[in-house]
Amino acid sequence: MKTMPNIARTLAALSVAGVAASAHANYVDLVNDTDQTILEFHVRHAGGRGPGPDILIAPPILFSGSHALIDVHDENPWHCLFNFTTVMNDGQIAHERNVNVCGDPIVYTVYSR
């Protein structure tokens, strides 16, 4: 009869893990609405240091007028605020701080300046 409390504890732990895994959507639809090609897109949670890794993998660059679904997941599923750094082929660098990626998947559009 001691197995019932163990099963209940296991189910409770799995439920909490499921909530943690779904804390935010992890994906951002990155849209390039500029006349430049995006060469790099760096993502770091807002409390981190530096620009973070370049996460443009497939495709490795993002041409003008195109978009890509980007995984912004990091090791902590509770991170909601991220800093984005975009590097364009003409040398421009754009920084956006505290982008909230929690909840529904978001669309992040890079515009020409």
C-alpha atoms as a PDB file:
ATOM      1  CA  MET A   1       0.000   0.000   0.000  1.00  0.00           C
ATOM      2  CA  LYS A   2       2.974   2.336   0.217  1.00  0.00           C
ATOM      3  CA  THR A   3       3.149   2.462  -3.568  1.00  0.00           C
ATOM      4  CA  MET A   4       0.106   4.754  -3.853  1.00  0.00           C
ATOM      5  CA  PRO A   5       1.813   7.740  -2.131  1.00  0.00           C
ATOM      6  CA  ASN A   6       4.901   7.138  -4.283  1.00  0.00           C
ATOM      7  CA  ILE A   7       2.780   7.156  -7.439  1.00  0.00           C
ATOM      8  CA  ALA A   8       1.032  10.323  -6.284  1.00  0.00           C
ATOM      9  CA  ARG A   9       4.386  12.015  -5.633  1.00  0.00           C
ATOM     10  CA  THR A  10       5.670  10.930  -9.031  1.00  0.00           C
ATOM     11  CA  LEU A  11       2.573  12.255 -10.805  1.00  0.00           C
ATOM     12  CA  ALA A  12       2.825  15.534  -8.898  1.00  0.00           C
ATOM     13  CA  ALA A  13       6.496  15.886  -9.890  1.00  0.00           C
ATOM     14  CA  LEU A  14       5.668  15.189 -13.540  1.00  0.00           C
ATOM     15  CA  SER A  15       2.898  17.793 -13.437  1.00  0.00           C
ATOM     16  CA  VAL A  16       5.281  20.425 -12.084  1.00  0.00           C
ATOM     17  CA  ALA A  17       7.879  19.479 -14.699  1.00  0.00           C
ATOM     18  CA  GLY A  18       5.249  19.853 -17.427  1.00  0.00           C
ATOM     19  CA  VAL A  19       4.385  23.347 -16.219  1.00  0.00           C
ATOM     20  CA  ALA A  20       8.054  24.305 -16.144  1.00  0.00           C
ATOM     21  CA  ALA A  21       8.606  23.010 -19.658  1.00  0.00           C
ATOM     22  CA  SER A  22       5.739  25.105 -20.986  1.00  0.00           C
ATOM     23  CA  ALA A  23       6.635  28.331 -19.172  1.00  0.00           C
ATOM     24  CA  HIS A  24       7.187  30.032 -22.533  1.00  0.00           C
ATOM     25  CA  ALA A  25       6.821  29.049 -26.131  1.00  0.00           C
ATOM     26  CA  ASN A  26      10.600  29.032 -26.802  1.00  0.00           C
ATOM     27  CA  TYR A  27      10.060  30.102 -30.413  1.00  0.00           C
ATOM     28  CA  VAL A  28      10.138  33.503 -32.068  1.00  0.00           C
ATOM     29  CA  ASP A  29       9.193  34.116 -35.683  1.00  0.00           C
ATOM     30  CA  LEU A  30      12.056  36.397 -36.767  1.00  0.00           C
ATOM     31  CA  VAL A  31      11.000  38.607 -39.690  1.00  0.00           C
ATOM     32  CA  ASN A  32      13.525  40.578 -41.742  1.00  0.00           C
ATOM     33  CA  ASP A  33      11.646  43.681 -42.953  1.00  0.00           C
ATOM     34  CA  THR A  34      14.812  45.514 -44.010  1.00  0.00           C
ATOM     35  CA  ASP A  35      16.684  45.891 -47.274  1.00  0.00           C
ATOM     36  CA  GLN A  36      19.682  44.125 -45.706  1.00  0.00           C
ATOM     37  CA  THR A  37      20.555  40.519 -44.951  1.00  0.00           C
ATOM     38  CA  ILE A  38      20.670  39.509 -41.288  1.00  0.00           C
ATOM     39  CA  LEU A  39      24.029  37.803 -40.770  1.00  0.00           C
ATOM     40  CA  GLU A  40      23.734  37.086 -37.048  1.00  0.00           C
ATOM     41  CA  PHE A  41      20.963  37.002 -34.458  1.00  0.00           C
ATOM     42  CA  HIS A  42      22.178  36.730 -30.859  1.00  0.00           C
ATOM     43  CA  VAL A  43      19.908  35.866 -27.940  1.00  0.00           C
ATOM     44  CA  ARG A  44      20.676  36.011 -24.224  1.00  0.00           C
ATOM     45  CA  HIS A  45      18.269  36.039 -21.291  1.00  0.00           C
ATOM     46  CA  ALA A  46      18.000  39.556 -19.876  1.00  0.00           C
ATOM     47  CA  GLY A  47      20.066  38.729 -16.787  1.00  0.00           C
ATOM     48  CA  GLY A  48      22.975  37.310 -18.798  1.00  0.00           C
ATOM     49  CA  ARG A  49      26.197  38.977 -19.862  1.00  0.00           C
ATOM     50  CA  GLY A  50      27.232  39.659 -23.419  1.00  0.00           C
ATOM     51  CA  PRO A  51      25.182  39.299 -26.583  1.00  0.00           C
ATOM     52  CA  GLY A  52      24.744  35.530 -26.337  1.00  0.00           C
ATOM     53  CA  PRO A  53      25.290  32.969 -29.070  1.00  0.00           C
ATOM     54  CA  ASP A  54      24.384  33.489 -32.717  1.00  0.00           C
ATOM     55  CA  ILE A  55      21.333  31.258 -33.112  1.00  0.00           C
ATOM     56  CA  LEU A  56      20.781  31.601 -36.848  1.00  0.00           C
ATOM     57  CA  ILE A  57      21.510  28.007 -37.775  1.00  0.00           C
ATOM     58  CA  ALA A  58      18.971  27.003 -40.402  1.00  0.00           C
ATOM     59  CA  PRO A  59      19.069  29.237 -42.348  1.00  0.00           C
ATOM     60  CA  PRO A  60      22.529  30.587 -41.409  1.00  0.00           C
ATOM     61  CA  ILE A  61      21.535  34.046 -42.727  1.00  0.00           C
ATOM     62  CA  LEU A  62      18.158  35.718 -43.193  1.00  0.00           C
ATOM     63  CA  PHE A  63      17.606  37.540 -46.480  1.00  0.00           C
ATOM     64  CA  SER A  64      15.554  40.708 -46.828  1.00  0.00           C
ATOM     65  CA  GLY A  65      11.827  39.953 -46.799  1.00  0.00           C
ATOM     66  CA  SER A  66      12.188  36.482 -45.319  1.00  0.00           C
ATOM     67  CA  HIS A  67      11.503  35.003 -41.897  1.00  0.00           C
ATOM     68  CA  ALA A  68      12.575  32.035 -39.784  1.00  0.00           C
ATOM     69  CA  LEU A  69      11.291  30.305 -36.682  1.00  0.00           C
ATOM     70  CA  ILE A  70      14.007  30.727 -34.050  1.00  0.00           C
ATOM     71  CA  ASP A  71      14.348  28.652 -30.867  1.00  0.00           C
ATOM     72  CA  VAL A  72      15.232  31.016 -28.007  1.00  0.00           C
ATOM     73  CA  HIS A  73      15.220  28.278 -25.368  1.00  0.00           C
ATOM     74  CA  ASP A  74      17.935  28.351 -22.768  1.00  0.00           C
ATOM     75  CA  GLU A  75      18.633  26.141 -19.777  1.00  0.00           C
ATOM     76  CA  ASN A  76      16.016  27.846 -17.592  1.00  0.00           C
ATOM     77  CA  PRO A  77      12.382  27.437 -18.729  1.00  0.00           C
ATOM     78  CA  TRP A  78      11.315  30.330 -16.476  1.00  0.00           C
ATOM     79  CA  HIS A  79      13.313  32.937 -18.380  1.00  0.00           C
ATOM     80  CA  CYS A  80      10.823  35.193 -20.161  1.00  0.00           C
ATOM     81  CA  LEU A  81      12.846  38.323 -20.908  1.00  0.00           C
ATOM     82  CA  PHE A  82      15.595  38.131 -23.502  1.00  0.00           C
ATOM     83  CA  ASN A  83      17.996  40.575 -25.129  1.00  0.00           C
ATOM     84  CA  PHE A  84      18.253  40.346 -28.922  1.00  0.00           C
ATOM     85  CA  THR A  85      21.222  41.573 -30.968  1.00  0.00           C
ATOM     86  CA  THR A  86      20.888  41.670 -34.759  1.00  0.00           C
ATOM     87  CA  VAL A  87      23.910  42.057 -37.060  1.00  0.00           C
ATOM     88  CA  MET A  88      23.201  43.211 -40.630  1.00  0.00           C
ATOM     89  CA  ASN A  89      25.416  42.738 -43.699  1.00  0.00           C
ATOM     90  CA  ASP A  90      26.133  46.502 -43.920  1.00  0.00           C
ATOM     91  CA  GLY A  91      27.624  46.474 -40.412  1.00  0.00           C
ATOM     92  CA  GLN A  92      24.609  47.849 -38.535  1.00  0.00           C
ATOM     93  CA  ILE A  93      23.991  46.299 -35.135  1.00  0.00           C
ATOM     94  CA  ALA A  94      20.605  46.603 -33.464  1.00  0.00           C
ATOM     95  CA  HIS A  95      19.966  45.826 -29.789  1.00  0.00           C
ATOM     96  CA  GLU A  96      16.550  45.122 -28.293  1.00  0.00           C
ATOM     97  CA  ARG A  97      16.398  44.544 -24.561  1.00  0.00           C
ATOM     98  CA  ASN A  98      13.830  42.776 -22.393  1.00  0.00           C
ATOM     99  CA  VAL A  99      11.793  41.143 -25.167  1.00  0.00           C
ATOM    100  CA  ASN A 100       9.091  39.061 -23.487  1.00  0.00           C
ATOM    101  CA  VAL A 101       8.839  35.616 -25.105  1.00  0.00           C
ATOM    102  CA  CYS A 102       6.460  34.069 -22.553  1.00  0.00           C
ATOM    103  CA  GLY A 103       2.967  33.050 -23.560  1.00  0.00           C
ATOM    104  CA  ASP A 104       1.972  32.774 -27.192  1.00  0.00           C
ATOM    105  CA  PRO A 105       4.683  32.485 -29.820  1.00  0.00           C
ATOM    106  CA  ILE A 106       5.740  35.975 -30.814  1.00  0.00           C
ATOM    107  CA  VAL A 107       6.689  37.628 -34.069  1.00  0.00           C
ATOM    108  CA  TYR A 108       9.806  39.782 -33.839  1.00  0.00           C
ATOM    109  CA  THR A 109      10.301  42.064 -36.828  1.00  0.00           C
ATOM    110  CA  VAL A 110      13.555  43.823 -37.646  1.00  0.00           C
ATOM    111  CA  TYR A 111      12.805  47.110 -39.454  1.00  0.00           C
ATOM    112  CA  SER A 112      15.039  49.416 -41.478  1.00  0.00           C
ATOM    113  CA  ARG A 113      16.202  52.504 -39.645  1.00  0.00           C
END
